[in-house]
Amino acid sequence: MSLDLPDEAATLALGAALARALHPGLTIRLEGELGSGKTTLVRGVLRGLGWTGKVKSPTFTFVELYVISNLKLHHFDFYRLEQAEEYLDAGLDEYFQGDAVCLVEWPDRAGEYLAPGDLRVSLSPLGEGRRAVLAALGDKGQACLSALRHCLPRSIAAPS
């Protein structure tokens, strides 16, 4: 699924729609260069779930934990990992065991230690906005993507 997001509001709206398609145990890989909108998308997810507190990138802490109603959401940012082994040394693999939803920025920095995940969201610049390309990486990701198709607001370009 490819979506054109003309501005930050559209990225937040995609995040809110994605929030309605989440289910426990889902791991979503967020890919894109610095400033491509990964943290903005996470902010949209959290707002869509009803989170009213601050949302910051966990660049220096590697993970921010959120509990919203009965849903646990873990937001990771592995940008500062210099070697994939640091992922294991920090005990970050333990967060992926269970029913939390895991949103992972810079997943490639954890190398082969991070499981492939269920859904990949790639963000890239497109004019004044960005393009989001979403791909299922398994059955759980496909279920999420199918649910997302029914939650997308009209303000976001039709999926291709």
Protein backbone atom coordinates (compact mmCIF):
# COMPACT_ATOMS: atom_id res chain seq x y z
CA MET A 1 0.00 0.00 0.00
CA SER A 2 1.42 3.36 -1.02
CA LEU A 3 0.01 6.60 0.39
CA ASP A 4 0.87 10.21 -0.38
CA LEU A 5 0.90 12.33 2.77
CA PRO A 6 0.94 16.01 1.79
CA ASP A 7 1.76 17.37 5.26
CA GLU A 8 2.33 16.59 8.94
CA ALA A 9 -1.42 16.48 9.59
CA ALA A 10 -1.78 13.66 7.05
CA THR A 11 1.05 11.73 8.73
CA LEU A 12 -0.68 12.13 12.10
CA ALA A 13 -3.96 11.00 10.49
CA LEU A 14 -2.26 7.88 9.10
CA GLY A 15 -0.93 7.15 12.59
CA ALA A 16 -4.41 7.55 14.09
CA ALA A 17 -5.85 5.20 11.47
CA LEU A 18 -3.08 2.71 12.16
CA ALA A 19 -3.96 2.88 15.88
CA ARG A 20 -7.41 1.49 15.04
CA ALA A 21 -5.85 -1.44 13.16
CA LEU A 22 -3.37 -2.52 15.86
CA HIS A 23 -3.59 -5.73 17.81
CA PRO A 24 -1.43 -7.05 20.68
CA GLY A 25 1.91 -8.59 19.78
CA LEU A 26 2.37 -6.66 16.54
CA THR A 27 5.85 -5.41 15.59
CA ILE A 28 6.04 -2.56 13.09
CA ARG A 29 9.32 -1.55 11.48
CA LEU A 30 9.50 2.19 10.75
CA GLU A 31 12.04 2.98 8.05
CA GLY A 32 13.21 6.24 6.52
CA GLU A 33 15.94 8.82 6.76
CA LEU A 34 16.28 11.38 9.54
CA GLY A 35 13.33 13.76 9.48
CA SER A 36 11.17 11.49 7.33
CA GLY A 37 8.29 11.46 9.84
CA LYS A 38 8.77 8.23 11.81
CA THR A 39 8.26 9.85 15.22
CA THR A 40 5.39 11.95 13.85
CA LEU A 41 3.70 8.74 12.74
CA VAL A 42 4.17 7.25 16.23
CA ARG A 43 2.72 10.43 17.74
CA GLY A 44 -0.33 9.96 15.49
CA VAL A 45 -0.68 6.34 16.65
CA LEU A 46 -0.51 7.37 20.30
CA ARG A 47 -2.97 10.23 19.82
CA GLY A 48 -5.28 7.83 18.00
CA LEU A 49 -5.15 5.54 21.03
CA GLY A 50 -6.06 8.43 23.33
CA TRP A 51 -2.62 9.29 24.73
CA THR A 52 -2.56 12.97 25.73
CA GLY A 53 0.93 13.13 27.24
CA LYS A 54 4.18 14.09 25.62
CA VAL A 55 5.52 11.90 22.81
CA LYS A 56 9.25 12.05 22.26
CA SER A 57 11.68 10.05 20.23
CA PRO A 58 13.55 7.55 22.40
CA THR A 59 16.83 8.31 20.65
CA PHE A 60 18.82 8.43 23.88
CA THR A 61 16.83 5.91 25.95
CA PHE A 62 16.24 3.41 23.09
CA VAL A 63 12.65 2.78 24.28
CA GLU A 64 9.61 4.66 25.60
CA LEU A 65 6.88 2.59 27.20
CA TYR A 66 3.19 3.50 27.06
CA VAL A 67 0.21 1.76 28.63
CA ILE A 68 -3.10 2.92 27.19
CA SER A 69 -6.16 1.13 28.51
CA ASN A 70 -5.24 -2.55 28.17
CA LEU A 71 -2.71 -2.01 25.38
CA LYS A 72 1.04 -1.84 25.97
CA LEU A 73 2.94 0.06 23.31
CA HIS A 74 6.73 0.20 23.12
CA HIS A 75 8.34 2.86 20.93
CA PHE A 76 11.96 2.07 20.02
CA ASP A 77 14.62 4.13 18.29
CA PHE A 78 17.82 2.24 17.48
CA TYR A 79 19.55 5.11 15.66
CA ARG A 80 22.30 5.35 18.27
CA LEU A 81 23.21 1.64 18.16
CA GLU A 82 26.74 1.49 16.79
CA GLN A 83 26.87 -2.31 16.72
CA ALA A 84 23.97 -4.73 16.53
CA GLU A 85 25.23 -6.53 19.65
CA GLU A 86 24.35 -3.42 21.70
CA TYR A 87 20.71 -4.39 21.16
CA LEU A 88 21.29 -7.61 23.11
CA ASP A 89 23.64 -6.02 25.65
CA ALA A 90 20.93 -3.48 26.55
CA GLY A 91 18.37 -6.27 27.03
CA LEU A 92 16.09 -4.77 24.39
CA ASP A 93 15.18 -8.20 23.00
CA GLU A 94 13.15 -8.87 26.16
CA TYR A 95 10.63 -6.17 25.20
CA PHE A 96 9.60 -8.17 22.13
CA GLN A 97 8.45 -11.18 24.14
CA GLY A 98 4.80 -10.79 24.96
CA ASP A 99 1.75 -8.97 23.75
CA ALA A 100 3.02 -5.40 23.49
CA VAL A 101 2.78 -3.50 20.21
CA CYS A 102 6.33 -2.57 19.22
CA LEU A 103 7.02 0.38 16.91
CA VAL A 104 10.68 0.35 15.89
CA GLU A 105 12.60 3.23 14.31
CA TRP A 106 15.91 2.29 12.64
CA PRO A 107 15.27 -1.49 12.97
CA ASP A 108 18.20 -2.35 10.69
CA ARG A 109 20.64 -1.14 13.39
CA ALA A 110 19.75 -4.20 15.51
CA GLY A 111 20.83 -6.48 12.66
CA GLU A 112 19.81 -10.11 12.71
CA TYR A 113 18.99 -9.93 16.42
CA LEU A 114 15.68 -8.22 15.74
CA ALA A 115 12.99 -10.46 14.27
CA PRO A 116 11.68 -9.40 10.85
CA GLY A 117 8.47 -7.97 12.30
CA ASP A 118 4.93 -8.01 11.01
CA LEU A 119 4.56 -4.74 9.10
CA ARG A 120 7.03 -2.36 7.48
CA VAL A 121 6.25 1.33 7.05
CA SER A 122 8.77 3.13 4.83
CA LEU A 123 8.62 6.93 4.78
CA SER A 124 10.34 9.08 2.16
CA PRO A 125 10.17 12.75 1.14
CA LEU A 126 7.64 13.65 -1.54
CA GLY A 127 7.46 17.35 -2.40
CA GLU A 128 6.35 19.23 0.73
CA GLY A 129 5.11 16.00 2.31
CA ARG A 130 6.08 12.36 2.26
CA ARG A 131 5.15 9.01 0.82
CA ALA A 132 4.36 6.07 3.09
CA VAL A 133 4.76 2.57 1.72
CA LEU A 134 3.28 -0.12 3.97
CA ALA A 135 4.05 -3.80 3.47
CA ALA A 136 2.89 -6.84 5.39
CA LEU A 137 5.72 -9.12 6.50
CA GLY A 138 3.49 -11.98 7.60
CA ASP A 139 -0.06 -12.95 8.49
CA LYS A 140 -0.33 -10.58 11.46
CA GLY A 141 0.91 -7.72 9.30
CA GLN A 142 -1.56 -8.61 6.56
CA ALA A 143 -4.43 -8.57 9.06
CA CYS A 144 -3.31 -5.13 10.28
CA LEU A 145 -2.99 -3.81 6.72
CA SER A 146 -6.45 -5.13 5.81
CA ALA A 147 -7.96 -3.44 8.87
CA LEU A 148 -6.08 -0.22 8.08
CA ARG A 149 -7.64 -0.01 4.61
CA HIS A 150 -11.04 0.41 6.30
CA CYS A 151 -9.78 3.07 8.75
CA LEU A 152 -8.04 5.49 6.39
CA PRO A 153 -9.49 9.01 6.33
CA ARG A 154 -10.44 10.51 2.99
CA SER A 155 -7.81 13.22 3.49
CA ILE A 156 -5.10 10.69 2.67
CA ALA A 157 -4.54 9.77 -0.97
CA ALA A 158 -6.16 6.50 -2.02
CA PRO A 159 -3.93 3.46 -1.61
CA SER A 160 -2.31 1.94 -4.63
